[in-house]
Amino acid sequence: MTAQRQTTEDPASIAAAMRDTMLSLGRRAKAAARVLALASSEQKDRALTAMAKAIRGGKDAILAANKEDLAEARGAALSVSALDRLELNDQRIEAMAEGVETIRALPDPVGKVTESWQRPNGLTIERVRVPIGVIGIVYESRPNVTADAGALALKAGNAVILRGGSDGHRSSQAIHAALAQGLREANLPEDAIALVPTRDRAAVGMMLQGLDGAIDVIVPRGGKGLVERVQKEARVPVFAHLEGVCHVYVDKTAPLDMAKSIVLNAKMRRTGVCGAAETLLVDRAAAPTHLKPLVAMLLDAGCEVRGDDAVQKTDARVKPASEADWSTEYLDKIITAGVVDGVDAAIGHIERYGSHHTDAIVTADQAAADKFLNEVDSAIVLHNASTQFADGGEFGFGAEIGIATGKLHARGPVGAEQLTSFKYRIRGSGQIRP
């Protein structure tokens, strides 16, 4: 029996080809990053202008690619929320183009001197923002992240390697083609915004290892499973949040109408975003007037409410809350609700069950608001506003590539400025150290 001849379909050959492809992608991105670090604001902005125009001009191609992705995703029985994140339409494509234009209009963070001082020996020291280098971004479902991430990285002078979700692969390719066109028109290297050309999950693993030093930081944007994998396997720094277990606490002085408006928006505006409220806490002193109207409002809006004993007594439709419910990110029309003994108890509850993402207080008491804002250890804390403002666009960042809940470098929405580092420039006149 003769030995079977190896072909290019051999798993070892496929793995070797994949590794060569990814390492080449990393090398080219690193070279492009050196060019971008020195590019002028005007050149970067020309590219962003051309990208927005190309996104609008490529709308038909993008929608056609998205239609194929959606058909495949429905066949794979993706959840309703996942399909919503995947779907593109005329409005969402226009929003993508407008987002790129908003990023273009932002001040260039590169070269900004954040501090400057002079030493007694005459040395002048200044701290100046510089690009990080090469950003690796791994994301799921939302193809619009392709445009947001590419534009933000470019504004901050970084190259970026994008690995979109398998379910949106065609859509991301079509959007990436528009970004590449913008780079060409501004005479910037196309490798500055690279899209991983395969759906193979092995490519993600290679990115997490850093592509032989090419990638400086990884940003995951997706569900808990993706973020857990990235945080476990990454050999480079990570900007990420694991979950968005977001709370709204209604204090005893909260105006009822305001509380109802904020709670409804925080939970139901878009249930699948990381800033959606997952837990409602009501001050025991406000329960007689506020609890039943708030619970009934949510139930009537089609939201399932899982509550403690006090909440269950307000409406027969309320289901009992389990211990696990208090720390669950539903990303669905479900909320856990409970009664707490004032602002200190609310802060304690959030510390125990929260995820350090986004939490809000509704109150007319400035002292209670200040205490909540100062003591809740979350990336974003709000007073009298919906948790759904946890979004870089709403912060004036133009867009974001995610929310970071860590405490080093970036925290909260990661926009263009958060995609820079800094260095110290020191100017002297011949000083030597004794």
Protein backbone atom coordinates (compact mmCIF):
# COMPACT_ATOMS: atom_id res chain seq x y z
CA MET A 1 0.00 0.00 0.00
CA THR A 2 1.55 3.29 -1.01
CA ALA A 3 1.63 6.23 1.40
CA GLN A 4 -1.02 8.80 0.78
CA ARG A 5 0.49 11.95 -0.65
CA GLN A 6 0.09 15.10 1.47
CA THR A 7 -1.95 17.85 -0.09
CA THR A 8 -2.56 21.46 0.80
CA GLU A 9 -5.64 20.21 2.68
CA ASP A 10 -3.43 18.46 5.21
CA PRO A 11 -4.12 19.97 8.68
CA ALA A 12 -0.44 20.63 9.32
CA SER A 13 -0.11 22.45 6.00
CA ILE A 14 -3.21 24.49 6.71
CA ALA A 15 -1.90 25.45 10.16
CA ALA A 16 1.47 26.46 8.71
CA ALA A 17 -0.17 28.57 6.02
CA MET A 18 -2.37 30.23 8.64
CA ARG A 19 0.63 31.05 10.80
CA ASP A 20 2.51 32.53 7.84
CA THR A 21 -0.53 34.63 6.92
CA MET A 22 -1.02 35.98 10.44
CA LEU A 23 2.66 36.71 11.06
CA SER A 24 2.84 38.55 7.74
CA LEU A 25 -0.24 40.53 8.75
CA GLY A 26 1.48 41.48 11.99
CA ARG A 27 4.73 42.53 10.34
CA ARG A 28 2.93 44.69 7.80
CA ALA A 29 0.77 46.29 10.49
CA LYS A 30 3.84 47.10 12.56
CA ALA A 31 5.49 48.77 9.57
CA ALA A 32 2.30 50.72 8.87
CA ALA A 33 2.15 51.84 12.50
CA ARG A 34 5.52 53.54 12.14
CA VAL A 35 4.17 55.51 9.17
CA LEU A 36 0.96 56.46 10.95
CA ALA A 37 2.80 57.64 14.07
CA LEU A 38 4.38 60.37 11.94
CA ALA A 39 1.35 61.16 9.76
CA SER A 40 -0.04 64.66 10.02
CA SER A 41 -3.50 65.37 11.38
CA GLU A 42 -4.49 66.64 7.94
CA GLN A 43 -3.46 63.40 6.24
CA LYS A 44 -5.34 61.24 8.74
CA ASP A 45 -8.41 63.44 8.41
CA ARG A 46 -8.28 63.18 4.62
CA ALA A 47 -8.36 59.43 4.96
CA LEU A 48 -11.32 59.58 7.35
CA THR A 49 -13.24 61.87 5.01
CA ALA A 50 -12.63 59.48 2.12
CA MET A 51 -13.66 56.51 4.28
CA ALA A 52 -17.02 58.06 5.14
CA LYS A 53 -17.62 58.79 1.46
CA ALA A 54 -16.63 55.24 0.49
CA ILE A 55 -18.97 53.74 3.10
CA ARG A 56 -21.87 55.69 1.64
CA GLY A 57 -20.80 54.86 -1.92
CA GLY A 58 -20.44 51.18 -1.05
CA LYS A 59 -23.84 50.91 0.65
CA ASP A 60 -25.27 48.47 -1.89
CA ALA A 61 -22.28 46.14 -1.62
CA ILE A 62 -22.34 46.31 2.17
CA LEU A 63 -26.07 45.54 2.33
CA ALA A 64 -25.70 42.65 -0.11
CA ALA A 65 -22.91 41.14 1.98
CA ASN A 66 -24.94 41.65 5.14
CA LYS A 67 -27.95 39.95 3.58
CA GLU A 68 -25.84 36.84 3.01
CA ASP A 69 -24.53 36.95 6.59
CA LEU A 70 -28.06 37.30 7.98
CA ALA A 71 -29.36 34.37 5.94
CA GLU A 72 -26.56 32.17 7.23
CA ALA A 73 -27.05 33.40 10.81
CA ARG A 74 -30.78 32.65 10.74
CA GLY A 75 -29.99 29.18 9.49
CA ALA A 76 -27.65 28.76 12.45
CA ALA A 77 -30.48 29.81 14.80
CA LEU A 78 -28.73 32.85 16.26
CA SER A 79 -30.63 34.65 19.02
CA VAL A 80 -32.85 37.61 18.27
CA SER A 81 -30.44 39.96 20.02
CA ALA A 82 -27.48 38.59 18.03
CA LEU A 83 -29.37 39.02 14.77
CA ASP A 84 -30.19 42.61 15.74
CA ARG A 85 -26.51 43.35 16.38
CA LEU A 86 -25.58 41.77 13.05
CA GLU A 87 -28.19 43.44 10.87
CA LEU A 88 -27.35 46.51 8.79
CA ASN A 89 -29.76 48.83 7.00
CA ASP A 90 -29.66 52.24 5.32
CA GLN A 91 -29.86 54.05 8.67
CA ARG A 92 -27.12 52.01 10.31
CA ILE A 93 -24.79 52.45 7.35
CA GLU A 94 -25.39 56.19 7.39
CA ALA A 95 -24.72 56.15 11.15
CA MET A 96 -21.41 54.38 10.42
CA ALA A 97 -20.40 57.06 7.93
CA GLU A 98 -21.46 59.83 10.30
CA GLY A 99 -19.48 58.15 13.08
CA VAL A 100 -16.34 58.25 10.97
CA GLU A 101 -16.95 61.94 10.26
CA THR A 102 -17.44 62.62 13.97
CA ILE A 103 -14.12 60.95 14.72
CA ARG A 104 -12.47 63.03 11.99
CA ALA A 105 -13.76 66.19 13.69
CA LEU A 106 -12.19 65.26 17.04
CA PRO A 107 -8.93 66.90 18.09
CA ASP A 108 -5.91 64.80 17.19
CA PRO A 109 -4.67 63.31 20.49
CA VAL A 110 -1.21 62.55 19.10
CA GLY A 111 1.38 65.14 20.10
CA LYS A 112 -0.81 66.73 22.77
CA VAL A 113 1.28 67.92 25.71
CA THR A 114 -0.65 66.97 28.84
CA GLU A 115 1.82 68.38 31.40
CA SER A 116 4.94 70.50 31.35
CA TRP A 117 7.26 71.70 34.10
CA GLN A 118 10.77 72.99 34.68
CA ARG A 119 13.28 71.55 37.13
CA PRO A 120 15.63 73.68 39.28
CA ASN A 121 18.55 72.57 37.08
CA GLY A 122 16.89 74.16 34.04
CA LEU A 123 15.60 70.95 32.42
CA THR A 124 12.15 71.32 30.85
CA ILE A 125 10.08 68.15 31.04
CA GLU A 126 6.83 67.56 29.19
CA ARG A 127 4.53 64.57 28.89
CA VAL A 128 3.15 64.09 25.39
CA ARG A 129 0.61 61.67 23.93
CA VAL A 130 1.90 59.12 21.42
CA PRO A 131 0.26 56.21 19.58
CA ILE A 132 0.29 52.80 21.24
CA GLY A 133 1.36 51.05 18.03
CA VAL A 134 -0.65 48.07 16.76
CA ILE A 135 -4.09 47.38 18.26
CA GLY A 136 -5.64 43.94 17.89
CA ILE A 137 -9.43 43.97 18.05
CA VAL A 138 -11.51 40.79 18.31
CA TYR A 139 -15.25 41.32 18.08
CA GLU A 140 -18.53 39.51 17.56
CA SER A 141 -21.68 40.19 15.54
CA ARG A 142 -21.57 43.97 15.15
CA PRO A 143 -20.00 44.66 11.72
CA ASN A 144 -20.14 48.40 12.42
CA VAL A 145 -17.23 47.85 14.83
CA THR A 146 -15.08 47.42 11.70
CA ALA A 147 -15.63 51.09 10.83
CA ASP A 148 -15.57 52.43 14.40
CA ALA A 149 -12.40 50.60 15.36
CA GLY A 150 -10.58 51.34 12.13
CA ALA A 151 -11.39 55.05 12.31
CA LEU A 152 -10.54 55.42 16.01
CA ALA A 153 -7.25 53.61 15.67
CA LEU A 154 -6.29 55.75 12.68
CA LYS A 155 -7.18 59.00 14.47
CA ALA A 156 -4.87 57.98 17.31
CA GLY A 157 -2.07 57.10 14.89
CA ASN A 158 -2.28 53.33 15.43
CA ALA A 159 -2.39 50.46 13.01
CA VAL A 160 -5.11 47.93 13.76
CA ILE A 161 -5.70 44.25 13.07
CA LEU A 162 -9.41 43.44 13.06
CA ARG A 163 -10.85 40.00 13.57
CA GLY A 164 -14.62 40.26 13.24
CA GLY A 165 -17.15 37.62 14.17
CA SER A 166 -17.64 34.69 11.84
CA ASP A 167 -21.32 35.55 11.52
CA GLY A 168 -20.53 39.00 10.08
CA HIS A 169 -17.47 38.07 8.01
CA ARG A 170 -18.86 39.17 4.63
CA SER A 171 -20.23 42.42 6.05
CA SER A 172 -16.90 43.26 7.68
CA GLN A 173 -15.07 42.58 4.42
CA ALA A 174 -17.35 44.99 2.54
CA ILE A 175 -16.89 47.71 5.16
CA HIS A 176 -13.15 47.09 5.27
CA ALA A 177 -12.97 47.64 1.50
CA ALA A 178 -14.33 51.17 2.05
CA LEU A 179 -11.75 51.85 4.76
CA ALA A 180 -8.93 50.62 2.51
CA GLN A 181 -10.14 52.96 -0.22
CA GLY A 182 -9.94 55.89 2.19
CA LEU A 183 -6.37 55.00 3.15
CA ARG A 184 -5.34 54.80 -0.51
CA GLU A 185 -6.85 58.19 -1.30
CA ALA A 186 -4.85 59.76 1.55
CA ASN A 187 -1.65 57.98 0.48
CA LEU A 188 -1.47 56.02 3.73
CA PRO A 189 -0.55 52.32 3.86
CA GLU A 190 -3.51 49.98 3.47
CA ASP A 191 -1.92 47.69 6.05
CA ALA A 192 -2.79 50.34 8.64
CA ILE A 193 -6.26 48.76 8.89
CA ALA A 194 -5.98 45.01 8.39
CA LEU A 195 -8.84 42.52 8.45
CA VAL A 196 -8.02 38.90 9.29
CA PRO A 197 -9.00 37.06 6.09
CA THR A 198 -10.27 33.86 7.71
CA ARG A 199 -13.03 32.71 10.03
CA ASP A 200 -10.74 30.10 11.58
CA ARG A 201 -10.70 30.53 15.38
CA ALA A 202 -7.01 29.65 15.36
CA ALA A 203 -6.35 33.16 14.05
CA VAL A 204 -7.71 34.59 17.28
CA GLY A 205 -5.32 32.44 19.30
CA MET A 206 -2.40 33.73 17.27
CA MET A 207 -3.46 37.32 17.86
CA LEU A 208 -3.71 36.68 21.60
CA GLN A 209 -0.11 35.47 21.55
CA GLY A 210 0.89 38.82 20.02
CA LEU A 211 2.01 37.75 16.54
CA ASP A 212 5.68 37.66 17.55
CA GLY A 213 5.54 41.04 19.24
CA ALA A 214 3.61 42.87 16.53
CA ILE A 215 0.47 43.52 18.62
CA ASP A 216 0.76 45.95 21.54
CA VAL A 217 -2.72 45.62 23.04
CA ILE A 218 -5.83 43.48 22.50
CA VAL A 219 -9.40 44.78 22.74
CA PRO A 220 -12.18 42.17 22.82
CA ARG A 221 -15.71 43.30 22.05
CA GLY A 222 -18.36 40.67 22.47
CA GLY A 223 -19.96 38.26 24.89
CA LYS A 224 -18.67 36.82 28.13
CA GLY A 225 -17.25 33.73 26.44
CA LEU A 226 -15.09 35.76 24.08
CA VAL A 227 -13.83 38.11 26.80
CA GLU A 228 -13.05 35.23 29.15
CA ARG A 229 -11.01 33.54 26.45
CA VAL A 230 -9.11 36.72 25.66
CA GLN A 231 -8.35 37.47 29.31
CA LYS A 232 -7.22 33.88 29.90
CA GLU A 233 -5.05 33.41 26.83
CA ALA A 234 -3.70 36.87 25.97
CA ARG A 235 0.03 37.45 26.29
CA VAL A 236 -0.34 41.16 25.63
CA PRO A 237 -2.26 43.81 27.62
CA VAL A 238 -6.07 43.74 27.31
CA PHE A 239 -8.66 46.54 27.44
CA ALA A 240 -11.97 44.87 28.26
CA HIS A 241 -14.96 44.31 30.49
CA LEU A 242 -16.24 40.84 31.26
CA GLU A 243 -19.88 41.71 31.98
CA GLY A 244 -22.19 44.69 32.27
CA VAL A 245 -24.23 43.98 35.41
CA CYS A 246 -25.55 47.56 35.60
CA HIS A 247 -27.75 48.92 38.39
CA VAL A 248 -30.25 51.75 38.80
CA TYR A 249 -30.82 52.77 42.42
CA VAL A 250 -33.96 54.83 43.10
CA ASP A 251 -33.40 56.87 46.26
CA LYS A 252 -36.14 58.03 48.63
CA THR A 253 -36.11 61.58 47.22
CA ALA A 254 -36.26 60.55 43.56
CA PRO A 255 -39.08 62.21 41.59
CA LEU A 256 -41.31 59.31 40.54
CA ASP A 257 -41.79 60.47 36.95
CA MET A 258 -38.04 60.88 36.48
CA ALA A 259 -37.38 57.49 38.06
CA LYS A 260 -39.88 55.78 35.77
CA SER A 261 -38.43 57.42 32.67
CA ILE A 262 -34.83 56.55 33.56
CA VAL A 263 -35.54 52.97 34.64
CA LEU A 264 -37.60 52.21 31.52
CA ASN A 265 -34.94 53.65 29.22
CA ALA A 266 -32.05 52.02 31.07
CA LYS A 267 -33.63 48.58 30.76
CA MET A 268 -35.71 48.61 27.60
CA ARG A 269 -34.17 51.06 25.09
CA ARG A 270 -31.80 48.34 23.87
CA THR A 271 -31.65 45.28 26.08
CA GLY A 272 -28.66 43.75 24.29
CA VAL A 273 -26.10 46.47 25.00
CA CYS A 274 -23.60 46.29 27.85
CA GLY A 275 -25.00 49.47 29.42
CA ALA A 276 -28.52 48.07 29.79
CA ALA A 277 -29.72 47.99 33.40
CA GLU A 278 -29.94 44.47 34.80
CA THR A 279 -30.89 45.31 38.41
CA LEU A 280 -33.31 47.83 39.92
CA LEU A 281 -32.78 48.79 43.55
CA VAL A 282 -35.39 50.87 45.40
CA ASP A 283 -34.86 52.62 48.72
CA ARG A 284 -37.12 51.07 51.37
CA ALA A 285 -38.24 54.58 52.33
CA ALA A 286 -39.48 55.10 48.74
CA ALA A 287 -41.09 51.69 48.37
CA PRO A 288 -44.63 52.70 49.43
CA THR A 289 -44.86 55.29 46.64
CA HIS A 290 -42.34 54.16 44.01
CA LEU A 291 -41.98 50.39 44.01
CA LYS A 292 -45.34 49.28 42.61
CA PRO A 293 -45.44 51.90 39.79
CA LEU A 294 -41.90 51.04 38.71
CA VAL A 295 -42.49 47.29 38.72
CA ALA A 296 -45.85 47.58 36.95
CA MET A 297 -44.31 49.85 34.31
CA LEU A 298 -41.62 47.29 33.50
CA LEU A 299 -44.05 44.38 33.41
CA ASP A 300 -46.47 46.29 31.19
CA ALA A 301 -43.58 47.07 28.82
CA GLY A 302 -42.97 43.33 28.36
CA CYS A 303 -40.07 43.02 30.78
CA GLU A 304 -39.88 40.00 33.06
CA VAL A 305 -39.25 41.05 36.67
CA ARG A 306 -37.54 38.77 39.16
CA GLY A 307 -37.77 40.20 42.64
CA ASP A 308 -37.19 39.77 46.34
CA ASP A 309 -40.11 39.30 48.75
CA ALA A 310 -41.01 42.99 48.82
CA VAL A 311 -41.09 43.23 45.03
CA GLN A 312 -43.08 40.02 44.65
CA LYS A 313 -45.80 41.43 46.92
CA THR A 314 -46.38 44.38 44.57
CA ASP A 315 -47.53 42.34 41.57
CA ALA A 316 -48.49 38.71 41.06
CA ARG A 317 -46.58 38.69 37.76
CA VAL A 318 -43.22 39.07 39.51
CA LYS A 319 -41.10 35.92 39.67
CA PRO A 320 -38.89 35.12 42.66
CA ALA A 321 -35.25 36.14 42.24
CA SER A 322 -32.55 33.52 42.81
CA GLU A 323 -29.15 34.30 44.28
CA ALA A 324 -27.63 33.97 40.80
CA ASP A 325 -30.06 36.52 39.34
CA TRP A 326 -28.48 39.39 41.27
CA SER A 327 -25.21 38.97 39.36
CA THR A 328 -26.63 38.03 35.97
CA GLU A 329 -26.19 40.07 32.77
CA TYR A 330 -29.40 39.14 30.95
CA LEU A 331 -29.02 41.20 27.75
CA ASP A 332 -32.73 40.53 27.40
CA LYS A 333 -36.12 41.81 28.59
CA ILE A 334 -35.47 40.60 32.14
CA ILE A 335 -34.54 42.57 35.25
CA THR A 336 -33.88 41.71 38.90
CA ALA A 337 -35.46 44.09 41.41
CA GLY A 338 -35.08 44.52 45.16
CA VAL A 339 -35.54 46.85 48.10
CA VAL A 340 -32.53 48.15 50.04
CA ASP A 341 -32.12 50.26 53.17
CA GLY A 342 -30.82 53.50 51.72
CA VAL A 343 -27.83 54.59 49.71
CA ASP A 344 -25.23 52.77 51.83
CA ALA A 345 -27.03 49.45 51.34
CA ALA A 346 -27.32 50.15 47.61
CA ILE A 347 -23.58 50.81 47.38
CA GLY A 348 -22.88 47.60 49.31
CA HIS A 349 -25.18 45.60 47.04
CA ILE A 350 -23.49 46.96 43.90
CA GLU A 351 -20.04 46.18 45.31
CA ARG A 352 -21.12 42.59 46.04
CA TYR A 353 -23.01 41.78 42.85
CA GLY A 354 -21.94 44.35 40.26
CA SER A 355 -19.28 44.19 37.56
CA HIS A 356 -17.72 47.67 37.95
CA HIS A 357 -19.22 48.72 34.61
CA THR A 358 -22.03 51.32 34.88
CA ASP A 359 -24.35 52.21 37.76
CA ALA A 360 -26.84 55.04 38.31
CA ILE A 361 -28.64 56.78 41.15
CA VAL A 362 -31.92 58.67 40.81
CA THR A 363 -32.29 61.21 43.60
CA ALA A 364 -33.02 64.84 44.43
CA ASP A 365 -30.63 64.66 47.39
CA GLN A 366 -27.25 66.05 46.35
CA ALA A 367 -25.49 64.51 49.35
CA ALA A 368 -26.81 61.05 48.45
CA ALA A 369 -25.80 61.60 44.83
CA ASP A 370 -22.28 62.68 45.81
CA LYS A 371 -21.89 59.69 48.11
CA PHE A 372 -22.99 57.30 45.36
CA LEU A 373 -20.75 58.90 42.71
CA ASN A 374 -17.74 58.89 45.04
CA GLU A 375 -18.11 55.42 46.55
CA VAL A 376 -19.44 53.18 43.77
CA ASP A 377 -16.32 51.62 42.24
CA SER A 378 -17.46 51.44 38.62
CA ALA A 379 -15.98 52.75 35.40
CA ILE A 380 -19.09 54.90 34.85
CA VAL A 381 -21.40 56.29 37.53
CA LEU A 382 -24.41 58.51 36.79
CA HIS A 383 -26.75 60.79 38.68
CA ASN A 384 -30.26 61.21 37.28
CA ALA A 385 -29.43 59.70 33.89
CA SER A 386 -29.90 56.37 32.12
CA THR A 387 -27.17 53.73 32.17
CA GLN A 388 -27.57 53.53 28.39
CA PHE A 389 -25.32 56.59 28.17
CA ALA A 390 -22.43 54.13 28.67
CA ASP A 391 -21.28 54.72 25.12
CA GLY A 392 -18.27 56.50 23.69
CA GLY A 393 -20.41 58.40 21.20
CA GLU A 394 -22.50 59.80 24.04
CA PHE A 395 -19.31 60.89 25.81
CA GLY A 396 -18.30 62.93 22.76
CA PHE A 397 -15.60 60.42 21.78
CA GLY A 398 -17.13 59.97 18.32
CA ALA A 399 -17.25 56.22 18.87
CA GLU A 400 -15.68 53.58 21.04
CA ILE A 401 -14.14 50.18 20.60
CA GLY A 402 -15.42 49.00 23.95
CA ILE A 403 -15.82 49.74 27.62
CA ALA A 404 -12.88 48.92 29.89
CA THR A 405 -13.47 48.14 33.56
CA GLY A 406 -9.84 47.62 34.50
CA LYS A 407 -7.95 50.27 36.44
CA LEU A 408 -4.78 50.56 34.39
CA HIS A 409 -4.43 52.91 31.42
CA ALA A 410 -7.96 52.97 29.95
CA ARG A 411 -11.18 52.83 31.98
CA GLY A 412 -14.70 53.41 30.68
CA PRO A 413 -15.30 54.04 26.96
CA VAL A 414 -12.16 53.43 24.91
CA GLY A 415 -12.00 56.18 22.29
CA ALA A 416 -9.22 57.80 20.30
CA GLU A 417 -7.51 59.42 23.28
CA GLN A 418 -7.56 56.16 25.24
CA LEU A 419 -5.76 54.51 22.31
CA THR A 420 -2.68 56.60 22.99
CA SER A 421 0.12 56.23 25.50
CA PHE A 422 2.63 58.91 26.42
CA LYS A 423 6.31 59.61 26.58
CA TYR A 424 8.42 62.28 28.27
CA ARG A 425 10.31 64.85 26.25
CA ILE A 426 13.13 66.57 28.10
CA ARG A 427 14.92 69.67 26.83
CA GLY A 428 18.18 70.83 28.31
CA SER A 429 21.07 73.19 27.66
CA GLY A 430 24.01 70.90 28.42
CA GLN A 431 23.07 69.62 31.88
CA ILE A 432 24.83 66.57 33.26
CA ARG A 433 23.93 64.65 36.41
CA PRO A 434 26.40 65.09 39.31
